[in-house]
Amino acid sequence: MITTKRLRLRPLTDTDTDTDWWVHLHADKDVNQFVGGYTHQEAAARLHDVHQQWTQRGHGLCAVELRSTGEAIGRCGLNWWEQFGETEIGWTFARTHWGRGYATEAAQAVLAWGFGPLGLKQITAMIHHGNTASSAVAQRLGFTPLREDTVLGRPCTVYALDRDDFPSP
């Protein structure tokens, strides 16, 4: 578990509770505009993969909860992409929690974990074209464009941050 001043990040599981929450988070058209929506079956399969990644690689996606209430407000964490040979950081938050700095706060903590205890040398962020809010978060965190690519059939800019360029907390 990772904690920040306002947030608690806990590994996502393949339980029905997390699956139902995942479907609900991605049901909002503004939220899923860049990350897609999920049926219950698709969410269960995705969370199974997340759980496998935690088991095999020691990292994965986390539910982001408010420390003050325990409410799950989004997700953030690391995802290994075999086809790219890269570890990506990602974040998605419920629309009612946009604009409060939660994505930046959660991502800073995940980066510190990735570059610190996990010993990663580089972390990427794959951001679909037009997702200006996520691009702004990436740039605020120190990411710079690495390349243009296609992820899940859609064009994106792949940003990168090297461990040597990440300020120690």
N, C-alpha and C. Protein backbone atom coordinates (compact mmCIF):
# COMPACT_ATOMS: atom_id res chain seq x y z
N MET A 1 0.84 -1.18 0.00
CA MET A 1 0.00 0.00 0.00
C MET A 1 0.89 1.24 0.00
N ILE A 2 0.48 2.23 -0.77
CA ILE A 2 1.18 3.51 -0.87
C ILE A 2 0.26 4.57 -0.28
N THR A 3 0.81 5.46 0.53
CA THR A 3 -0.01 6.55 1.06
C THR A 3 0.65 7.88 0.75
N THR A 4 -0.20 8.88 0.58
CA THR A 4 0.24 10.26 0.41
C THR A 4 -0.52 11.08 1.46
N LYS A 5 -0.36 12.37 1.39
CA LYS A 5 -1.06 13.23 2.35
C LYS A 5 -2.57 13.01 2.32
N ARG A 6 -3.13 12.88 1.11
CA ARG A 6 -4.59 12.76 0.98
C ARG A 6 -5.09 11.41 0.50
N LEU A 7 -4.19 10.57 -0.01
CA LEU A 7 -4.61 9.37 -0.73
C LEU A 7 -3.99 8.09 -0.18
N ARG A 8 -4.69 7.00 -0.42
CA ARG A 8 -4.18 5.66 -0.15
C ARG A 8 -4.33 4.87 -1.45
N LEU A 9 -3.26 4.23 -1.88
CA LEU A 9 -3.29 3.41 -3.09
C LEU A 9 -3.11 1.96 -2.67
N ARG A 10 -4.07 1.13 -3.01
CA ARG A 10 -4.01 -0.29 -2.67
C ARG A 10 -4.11 -1.12 -3.94
N PRO A 11 -3.41 -2.24 -3.98
CA PRO A 11 -3.47 -3.08 -5.18
C PRO A 11 -4.90 -3.47 -5.53
N LEU A 12 -5.25 -3.34 -6.81
CA LEU A 12 -6.55 -3.82 -7.27
C LEU A 12 -6.56 -5.34 -7.25
N THR A 13 -7.71 -5.90 -6.98
CA THR A 13 -7.88 -7.35 -6.93
C THR A 13 -8.87 -7.79 -8.00
N ASP A 14 -9.02 -9.08 -8.16
CA ASP A 14 -9.99 -9.60 -9.12
C ASP A 14 -11.29 -10.02 -8.42
N THR A 15 -11.60 -9.37 -7.29
CA THR A 15 -12.85 -9.64 -6.57
C THR A 15 -14.03 -8.98 -7.27
N ASP A 16 -15.22 -9.44 -6.95
CA ASP A 16 -16.43 -8.82 -7.52
C ASP A 16 -16.54 -7.36 -7.12
N THR A 17 -16.12 -7.02 -5.90
CA THR A 17 -16.20 -5.64 -5.44
C THR A 17 -15.38 -4.72 -6.33
N ASP A 18 -14.12 -5.09 -6.59
CA ASP A 18 -13.28 -4.26 -7.46
C ASP A 18 -13.76 -4.29 -8.90
N THR A 19 -14.26 -5.44 -9.35
CA THR A 19 -14.77 -5.53 -10.72
C THR A 19 -15.97 -4.61 -10.91
N ASP A 20 -16.91 -4.64 -9.98
CA ASP A 20 -18.08 -3.75 -10.07
C ASP A 20 -17.65 -2.30 -10.04
N TRP A 21 -16.70 -1.96 -9.18
CA TRP A 21 -16.22 -0.58 -9.09
C TRP A 21 -15.55 -0.15 -10.40
N TRP A 22 -14.75 -1.04 -10.99
CA TRP A 22 -14.05 -0.76 -12.26
C TRP A 22 -15.07 -0.45 -13.36
N VAL A 23 -16.11 -1.27 -13.45
CA VAL A 23 -17.16 -1.04 -14.46
C VAL A 23 -17.80 0.33 -14.23
N HIS A 24 -18.12 0.64 -12.98
CA HIS A 24 -18.76 1.92 -12.64
C HIS A 24 -17.85 3.10 -13.00
N LEU A 25 -16.56 3.02 -12.63
CA LEU A 25 -15.62 4.10 -12.93
C LEU A 25 -15.57 4.39 -14.42
N HIS A 26 -15.53 3.33 -15.23
CA HIS A 26 -15.37 3.50 -16.67
C HIS A 26 -16.70 3.68 -17.41
N ALA A 27 -17.81 3.71 -16.69
CA ALA A 27 -19.12 3.88 -17.34
C ALA A 27 -19.36 5.32 -17.76
N ASP A 28 -18.71 6.27 -17.13
CA ASP A 28 -18.88 7.70 -17.46
C ASP A 28 -18.23 7.97 -18.81
N LYS A 29 -18.98 8.53 -19.75
CA LYS A 29 -18.45 8.76 -21.10
C LYS A 29 -17.26 9.71 -21.12
N ASP A 30 -17.23 10.66 -20.17
CA ASP A 30 -16.09 11.57 -20.11
C ASP A 30 -14.84 10.85 -19.59
N VAL A 31 -15.02 9.91 -18.69
CA VAL A 31 -13.90 9.14 -18.15
C VAL A 31 -13.40 8.15 -19.19
N ASN A 32 -14.32 7.46 -19.87
CA ASN A 32 -13.89 6.40 -20.79
C ASN A 32 -13.55 6.90 -22.19
N GLN A 33 -13.64 8.20 -22.41
CA GLN A 33 -13.34 8.77 -23.73
C GLN A 33 -11.97 8.33 -24.23
N PHE A 34 -11.00 8.22 -23.35
CA PHE A 34 -9.64 7.87 -23.76
C PHE A 34 -9.22 6.48 -23.30
N VAL A 35 -9.90 5.92 -22.30
CA VAL A 35 -9.48 4.62 -21.76
C VAL A 35 -10.48 3.50 -22.03
N GLY A 36 -11.64 3.84 -22.55
CA GLY A 36 -12.63 2.83 -22.90
C GLY A 36 -13.51 2.42 -21.74
N GLY A 37 -14.63 1.82 -22.09
CA GLY A 37 -15.57 1.30 -21.11
C GLY A 37 -15.42 -0.21 -21.01
N TYR A 38 -16.05 -0.80 -19.99
CA TYR A 38 -15.92 -2.23 -19.74
C TYR A 38 -17.26 -2.85 -19.39
N THR A 39 -17.52 -4.03 -19.92
CA THR A 39 -18.60 -4.85 -19.41
C THR A 39 -18.08 -5.53 -18.15
N HIS A 40 -18.95 -6.17 -17.41
CA HIS A 40 -18.50 -6.87 -16.20
C HIS A 40 -17.50 -7.97 -16.57
N GLN A 41 -17.75 -8.68 -17.63
CA GLN A 41 -16.85 -9.75 -18.07
C GLN A 41 -15.49 -9.19 -18.49
N GLU A 42 -15.49 -8.09 -19.24
CA GLU A 42 -14.23 -7.47 -19.66
C GLU A 42 -13.44 -6.95 -18.46
N ALA A 43 -14.16 -6.34 -17.51
CA ALA A 43 -13.50 -5.83 -16.31
C ALA A 43 -12.89 -6.97 -15.49
N ALA A 44 -13.63 -8.07 -15.36
CA ALA A 44 -13.12 -9.22 -14.62
C ALA A 44 -11.84 -9.76 -15.27
N ALA A 45 -11.83 -9.82 -16.60
CA ALA A 45 -10.64 -10.30 -17.31
C ALA A 45 -9.48 -9.34 -17.12
N ARG A 46 -9.75 -8.03 -17.21
CA ARG A 46 -8.69 -7.03 -17.03
C ARG A 46 -8.11 -7.10 -15.62
N LEU A 47 -8.99 -7.21 -14.62
CA LEU A 47 -8.52 -7.26 -13.24
C LEU A 47 -7.80 -8.58 -12.94
N HIS A 48 -8.16 -9.64 -13.63
CA HIS A 48 -7.41 -10.90 -13.51
C HIS A 48 -5.98 -10.67 -13.99
N ASP A 49 -5.84 -9.97 -15.13
CA ASP A 49 -4.50 -9.66 -15.66
C ASP A 49 -3.72 -8.76 -14.70
N VAL A 50 -4.41 -7.78 -14.10
CA VAL A 50 -3.77 -6.90 -13.12
C VAL A 50 -3.26 -7.73 -11.94
N HIS A 51 -4.11 -8.63 -11.44
CA HIS A 51 -3.73 -9.48 -10.32
C HIS A 51 -2.52 -10.35 -10.68
N GLN A 52 -2.50 -10.89 -11.90
CA GLN A 52 -1.37 -11.71 -12.36
C GLN A 52 -0.09 -10.87 -12.39
N GLN A 53 -0.21 -9.62 -12.82
CA GLN A 53 0.97 -8.76 -12.89
C GLN A 53 1.53 -8.49 -11.49
N TRP A 54 0.64 -8.27 -10.53
CA TRP A 54 1.10 -8.11 -9.15
C TRP A 54 1.86 -9.35 -8.70
N THR A 55 1.35 -10.51 -9.03
CA THR A 55 1.97 -11.77 -8.62
C THR A 55 3.31 -11.98 -9.32
N GLN A 56 3.35 -11.72 -10.62
CA GLN A 56 4.54 -12.02 -11.42
C GLN A 56 5.61 -10.93 -11.38
N ARG A 57 5.20 -9.66 -11.33
CA ARG A 57 6.17 -8.57 -11.45
C ARG A 57 6.31 -7.73 -10.17
N GLY A 58 5.40 -7.92 -9.22
CA GLY A 58 5.49 -7.16 -7.97
C GLY A 58 4.94 -5.76 -8.06
N HIS A 59 4.25 -5.46 -9.17
CA HIS A 59 3.58 -4.16 -9.31
C HIS A 59 2.37 -4.32 -10.20
N GLY A 60 1.54 -3.30 -10.21
CA GLY A 60 0.33 -3.31 -11.02
C GLY A 60 -0.47 -2.06 -10.76
N LEU A 61 -1.74 -2.12 -11.10
CA LEU A 61 -2.63 -0.97 -10.91
C LEU A 61 -3.22 -0.99 -9.50
N CYS A 62 -3.47 0.20 -8.99
CA CYS A 62 -4.03 0.37 -7.65
C CYS A 62 -5.33 1.14 -7.71
N ALA A 63 -6.21 0.84 -6.76
CA ALA A 63 -7.36 1.70 -6.51
C ALA A 63 -6.83 2.87 -5.70
N VAL A 64 -7.27 4.07 -6.05
CA VAL A 64 -6.88 5.26 -5.30
C VAL A 64 -8.07 5.65 -4.44
N GLU A 65 -7.83 5.70 -3.13
CA GLU A 65 -8.89 6.00 -2.17
C GLU A 65 -8.54 7.26 -1.39
N LEU A 66 -9.57 8.01 -1.02
CA LEU A 66 -9.35 9.16 -0.15
C LEU A 66 -9.05 8.65 1.25
N ARG A 67 -7.97 9.12 1.84
CA ARG A 67 -7.63 8.67 3.20
C ARG A 67 -8.70 9.10 4.20
N SER A 68 -9.32 10.25 3.94
CA SER A 68 -10.28 10.80 4.90
C SER A 68 -11.57 9.99 4.98
N THR A 69 -11.97 9.35 3.85
CA THR A 69 -13.26 8.65 3.83
C THR A 69 -13.18 7.20 3.38
N GLY A 70 -12.09 6.82 2.71
CA GLY A 70 -11.97 5.48 2.15
C GLY A 70 -12.64 5.34 0.79
N GLU A 71 -13.24 6.41 0.29
CA GLU A 71 -13.92 6.36 -1.02
C GLU A 71 -12.90 6.13 -2.13
N ALA A 72 -13.19 5.16 -3.00
CA ALA A 72 -12.35 4.91 -4.17
C ALA A 72 -12.70 5.95 -5.23
N ILE A 73 -11.70 6.74 -5.65
CA ILE A 73 -11.96 7.85 -6.57
C ILE A 73 -11.29 7.68 -7.92
N GLY A 74 -10.44 6.66 -8.06
CA GLY A 74 -9.75 6.46 -9.32
C GLY A 74 -8.79 5.30 -9.24
N ARG A 75 -7.94 5.24 -10.26
CA ARG A 75 -6.92 4.19 -10.30
C ARG A 75 -5.62 4.80 -10.80
N CYS A 76 -4.53 4.24 -10.32
CA CYS A 76 -3.21 4.69 -10.73
C CYS A 76 -2.25 3.55 -10.44
N GLY A 77 -1.25 3.40 -11.25
CA GLY A 77 -0.27 2.35 -10.99
C GLY A 77 0.59 2.08 -12.20
N LEU A 78 1.27 0.95 -12.14
CA LEU A 78 2.21 0.56 -13.18
C LEU A 78 1.68 -0.63 -13.96
N ASN A 79 1.93 -0.60 -15.26
CA ASN A 79 1.48 -1.67 -16.14
C ASN A 79 2.64 -2.06 -17.06
N TRP A 80 2.98 -3.34 -17.07
CA TRP A 80 4.03 -3.85 -17.96
C TRP A 80 3.43 -4.16 -19.32
N TRP A 81 4.04 -3.60 -20.37
CA TRP A 81 3.63 -3.86 -21.74
C TRP A 81 4.70 -4.74 -22.39
N GLU A 82 4.39 -6.02 -22.53
CA GLU A 82 5.34 -6.97 -23.10
C GLU A 82 5.76 -6.55 -24.51
N GLN A 83 4.79 -6.10 -25.34
CA GLN A 83 5.13 -5.79 -26.74
C GLN A 83 6.05 -4.58 -26.87
N PHE A 84 6.10 -3.72 -25.87
CA PHE A 84 6.99 -2.56 -25.91
C PHE A 84 8.22 -2.76 -25.03
N GLY A 85 8.18 -3.75 -24.14
CA GLY A 85 9.26 -3.93 -23.18
C GLY A 85 9.36 -2.75 -22.23
N GLU A 86 8.21 -2.18 -21.86
CA GLU A 86 8.18 -0.96 -21.05
C GLU A 86 7.20 -1.09 -19.89
N THR A 87 7.52 -0.38 -18.82
CA THR A 87 6.60 -0.23 -17.71
C THR A 87 5.98 1.15 -17.82
N GLU A 88 4.67 1.16 -17.87
CA GLU A 88 3.91 2.41 -18.04
C GLU A 88 3.21 2.77 -16.75
N ILE A 89 3.15 4.05 -16.46
CA ILE A 89 2.30 4.55 -15.39
C ILE A 89 1.00 5.03 -16.03
N GLY A 90 -0.11 4.79 -15.35
CA GLY A 90 -1.40 5.26 -15.85
C GLY A 90 -2.24 5.76 -14.70
N TRP A 91 -3.19 6.61 -15.03
CA TRP A 91 -4.11 7.15 -14.03
C TRP A 91 -5.45 7.43 -14.69
N THR A 92 -6.50 7.16 -13.96
CA THR A 92 -7.87 7.44 -14.39
C THR A 92 -8.66 7.76 -13.13
N PHE A 93 -9.37 8.87 -13.15
CA PHE A 93 -10.14 9.30 -11.97
C PHE A 93 -11.58 9.60 -12.34
N ALA A 94 -12.46 9.39 -11.38
CA ALA A 94 -13.87 9.73 -11.56
C ALA A 94 -13.99 11.23 -11.83
N ARG A 95 -14.87 11.60 -12.72
CA ARG A 95 -15.02 12.99 -13.14
C ARG A 95 -15.25 13.94 -11.97
N THR A 96 -15.98 13.49 -10.95
CA THR A 96 -16.27 14.37 -9.80
C THR A 96 -15.01 14.70 -9.01
N HIS A 97 -13.90 14.03 -9.31
CA HIS A 97 -12.66 14.28 -8.58
C HIS A 97 -11.57 14.89 -9.47
N TRP A 98 -11.93 15.33 -10.67
CA TRP A 98 -10.98 15.99 -11.56
C TRP A 98 -10.65 17.38 -11.02
N GLY A 99 -9.47 17.86 -11.38
CA GLY A 99 -9.09 19.23 -11.08
C GLY A 99 -8.67 19.50 -9.64
N ARG A 100 -8.40 18.44 -8.87
CA ARG A 100 -8.02 18.61 -7.46
C ARG A 100 -6.58 18.17 -7.19
N GLY A 101 -5.86 17.81 -8.25
CA GLY A 101 -4.47 17.41 -8.09
C GLY A 101 -4.27 15.96 -7.67
N TYR A 102 -5.34 15.17 -7.65
CA TYR A 102 -5.21 13.78 -7.21
C TYR A 102 -4.36 12.95 -8.16
N ALA A 103 -4.51 13.15 -9.46
CA ALA A 103 -3.73 12.37 -10.43
C ALA A 103 -2.24 12.64 -10.24
N THR A 104 -1.87 13.89 -10.11
CA THR A 104 -0.47 14.24 -9.92
C THR A 104 0.06 13.68 -8.61
N GLU A 105 -0.72 13.81 -7.54
CA GLU A 105 -0.30 13.31 -6.22
C GLU A 105 -0.12 11.80 -6.23
N ALA A 106 -1.07 11.09 -6.80
CA ALA A 106 -0.98 9.63 -6.86
C ALA A 106 0.19 9.20 -7.74
N ALA A 107 0.32 9.84 -8.90
CA ALA A 107 1.39 9.46 -9.84
C ALA A 107 2.77 9.75 -9.25
N GLN A 108 2.94 10.85 -8.53
CA GLN A 108 4.23 11.13 -7.90
C GLN A 108 4.61 10.01 -6.94
N ALA A 109 3.64 9.53 -6.17
CA ALA A 109 3.90 8.45 -5.22
C ALA A 109 4.24 7.15 -5.95
N VAL A 110 3.54 6.86 -7.04
CA VAL A 110 3.81 5.65 -7.82
C VAL A 110 5.20 5.74 -8.47
N LEU A 111 5.56 6.91 -8.97
CA LEU A 111 6.89 7.08 -9.56
C LEU A 111 7.98 6.89 -8.51
N ALA A 112 7.80 7.44 -7.32
CA ALA A 112 8.78 7.27 -6.24
C ALA A 112 8.95 5.79 -5.90
N TRP A 113 7.85 5.06 -5.89
CA TRP A 113 7.87 3.62 -5.64
C TRP A 113 8.57 2.89 -6.78
N GLY A 114 8.24 3.25 -8.02
CA GLY A 114 8.83 2.58 -9.19
C GLY A 114 10.32 2.82 -9.31
N PHE A 115 10.74 4.06 -9.10
CA PHE A 115 12.16 4.39 -9.22
C PHE A 115 12.94 4.02 -7.95
N GLY A 116 12.25 3.97 -6.82
CA GLY A 116 12.90 3.63 -5.55
C GLY A 116 12.96 2.14 -5.34
N PRO A 117 12.03 1.60 -4.53
CA PRO A 117 12.07 0.18 -4.18
C PRO A 117 12.05 -0.78 -5.38
N LEU A 118 11.33 -0.42 -6.45
CA LEU A 118 11.27 -1.34 -7.60
C LEU A 118 12.51 -1.25 -8.50
N GLY A 119 13.25 -0.15 -8.40
CA GLY A 119 14.50 -0.01 -9.15
C GLY A 119 14.35 0.15 -10.64
N LEU A 120 13.19 0.66 -11.11
CA LEU A 120 13.02 0.85 -12.54
C LEU A 120 13.91 1.99 -13.02
N LYS A 121 14.40 1.87 -14.25
CA LYS A 121 15.27 2.90 -14.82
C LYS A 121 14.48 3.94 -15.62
N GLN A 122 13.36 3.51 -16.21
CA GLN A 122 12.52 4.41 -17.01
C GLN A 122 11.07 3.98 -16.87
N ILE A 123 10.18 4.95 -16.85
CA ILE A 123 8.74 4.70 -16.83
C ILE A 123 8.14 5.53 -17.94
N THR A 124 7.22 4.93 -18.69
CA THR A 124 6.55 5.65 -19.77
C THR A 124 5.11 5.98 -19.36
N ALA A 125 4.52 6.88 -20.11
CA ALA A 125 3.10 7.22 -19.97
C ALA A 125 2.55 7.31 -21.39
N MET A 126 1.61 6.43 -21.72
CA MET A 126 1.04 6.37 -23.07
C MET A 126 -0.28 7.12 -23.05
N ILE A 127 -0.29 8.27 -23.71
CA ILE A 127 -1.45 9.16 -23.63
C ILE A 127 -2.05 9.36 -25.02
N HIS A 128 -3.32 8.99 -25.12
CA HIS A 128 -4.02 9.11 -26.41
C HIS A 128 -4.13 10.56 -26.84
N HIS A 129 -4.04 10.77 -28.13
CA HIS A 129 -4.14 12.12 -28.69
C HIS A 129 -5.43 12.78 -28.24
N GLY A 130 -5.35 14.04 -27.89
CA GLY A 130 -6.52 14.80 -27.46
C GLY A 130 -6.74 14.79 -25.96
N ASN A 131 -6.03 13.93 -25.22
CA ASN A 131 -6.19 13.86 -23.78
C ASN A 131 -5.28 14.91 -23.13
N THR A 132 -5.68 16.17 -23.26
CA THR A 132 -4.84 17.27 -22.81
C THR A 132 -4.65 17.28 -21.29
N ALA A 133 -5.64 16.83 -20.54
CA ALA A 133 -5.50 16.81 -19.07
C ALA A 133 -4.39 15.84 -18.66
N SER A 134 -4.38 14.64 -19.22
CA SER A 134 -3.34 13.68 -18.88
C SER A 134 -1.97 14.11 -19.39
N SER A 135 -1.94 14.74 -20.56
CA SER A 135 -0.67 15.27 -21.07
C SER A 135 -0.11 16.32 -20.11
N ALA A 136 -0.98 17.15 -19.57
CA ALA A 136 -0.55 18.18 -18.62
C ALA A 136 -0.01 17.54 -17.34
N VAL A 137 -0.67 16.49 -16.86
CA VAL A 137 -0.18 15.79 -15.66
C VAL A 137 1.20 15.21 -15.94
N ALA A 138 1.36 14.55 -17.08
CA ALA A 138 2.65 13.94 -17.43
C ALA A 138 3.75 15.00 -17.47
N GLN A 139 3.47 16.12 -18.09
CA GLN A 139 4.47 17.17 -18.20
C GLN A 139 4.79 17.78 -16.83
N ARG A 140 3.77 17.92 -15.98
CA ARG A 140 3.97 18.42 -14.62
C ARG A 140 4.90 17.49 -13.83
N LEU A 141 4.81 16.20 -14.12
CA LEU A 141 5.63 15.20 -13.44
C LEU A 141 7.04 15.09 -14.00
N GLY A 142 7.32 15.80 -15.11
CA GLY A 142 8.65 15.79 -15.71
C GLY A 142 8.80 14.89 -16.92
N PHE A 143 7.72 14.26 -17.36
CA PHE A 143 7.78 13.42 -18.56
C PHE A 143 8.00 14.29 -19.80
N THR A 144 8.70 13.72 -20.78
CA THR A 144 8.88 14.38 -22.07
C THR A 144 8.50 13.39 -23.16
N PRO A 145 8.05 13.89 -24.32
CA PRO A 145 7.67 12.98 -25.41
C PRO A 145 8.85 12.11 -25.85
N LEU A 146 8.57 10.82 -26.02
CA LEU A 146 9.57 9.86 -26.47
C LEU A 146 9.32 9.47 -27.92
N ARG A 147 8.03 9.17 -28.25
CA ARG A 147 7.70 8.72 -29.60
C ARG A 147 6.18 8.77 -29.79
N GLU A 148 5.78 8.67 -31.04
CA GLU A 148 4.37 8.48 -31.39
C GLU A 148 4.18 6.99 -31.61
N ASP A 149 3.04 6.45 -31.20
CA ASP A 149 2.81 5.02 -31.32
C ASP A 149 1.31 4.77 -31.42
N THR A 150 0.95 3.51 -31.51
CA THR A 150 -0.45 3.10 -31.49
C THR A 150 -0.62 2.13 -30.33
N VAL A 151 -1.57 2.43 -29.46
CA VAL A 151 -1.85 1.60 -28.29
C VAL A 151 -3.34 1.28 -28.31
N LEU A 152 -3.63 -0.01 -28.23
CA LEU A 152 -5.02 -0.48 -28.26
C LEU A 152 -5.76 0.08 -29.48
N GLY A 153 -5.03 0.13 -30.60
CA GLY A 153 -5.63 0.55 -31.86
C GLY A 153 -5.82 2.04 -32.03
N ARG A 154 -5.30 2.85 -31.11
CA ARG A 154 -5.48 4.31 -31.19
C ARG A 154 -4.13 5.01 -31.09
N PRO A 155 -3.97 6.10 -31.85
CA PRO A 155 -2.70 6.82 -31.80
C PRO A 155 -2.49 7.48 -30.44
N CYS A 156 -1.23 7.48 -30.01
CA CYS A 156 -0.91 8.11 -28.74
C CYS A 156 0.51 8.66 -28.79
N THR A 157 0.76 9.55 -27.86
CA THR A 157 2.12 10.01 -27.61
C THR A 157 2.64 9.24 -26.41
N VAL A 158 3.81 8.65 -26.57
CA VAL A 158 4.44 7.94 -25.46
C VAL A 158 5.45 8.90 -24.84
N TYR A 159 5.19 9.24 -23.59
CA TYR A 159 6.09 10.09 -22.81
C TYR A 159 7.01 9.19 -22.00
N ALA A 160 8.16 9.71 -21.60
CA ALA A 160 9.08 8.93 -20.78
C ALA A 160 9.70 9.80 -19.70
N LEU A 161 10.02 9.14 -18.60
CA LEU A 161 10.74 9.78 -17.51
C LEU A 161 11.80 8.79 -17.04
N ASP A 162 13.04 9.24 -17.00
CA ASP A 162 14.14 8.41 -16.52
C ASP A 162 14.34 8.63 -15.03
N ARG A 163 14.78 7.58 -14.34
CA ARG A 163 15.01 7.66 -12.90
C ARG A 163 15.92 8.83 -12.55
N ASP A 164 16.97 9.07 -13.35
CA ASP A 164 17.92 10.15 -13.06
C ASP A 164 17.28 11.54 -13.16
N ASP A 165 16.15 11.64 -13.85
CA ASP A 165 15.48 12.93 -14.01
C ASP A 165 14.33 13.12 -13.03
N PHE A 166 14.07 12.11 -12.18
CA PHE A 166 12.98 12.20 -11.21
C PHE A 166 13.52 12.76 -9.90
N PRO A 167 12.96 13.88 -9.46
CA PRO A 167 13.45 14.46 -8.20
C PRO A 167 13.13 13.54 -7.02
N SER A 168 14.11 13.30 -6.20
CA SER A 168 13.88 12.46 -5.00
C SER A 168 12.93 13.17 -4.06
N PRO A 169 11.99 12.39 -3.47
CA PRO A 169 11.04 13.01 -2.56
C PRO A 169 11.71 13.51 -1.29
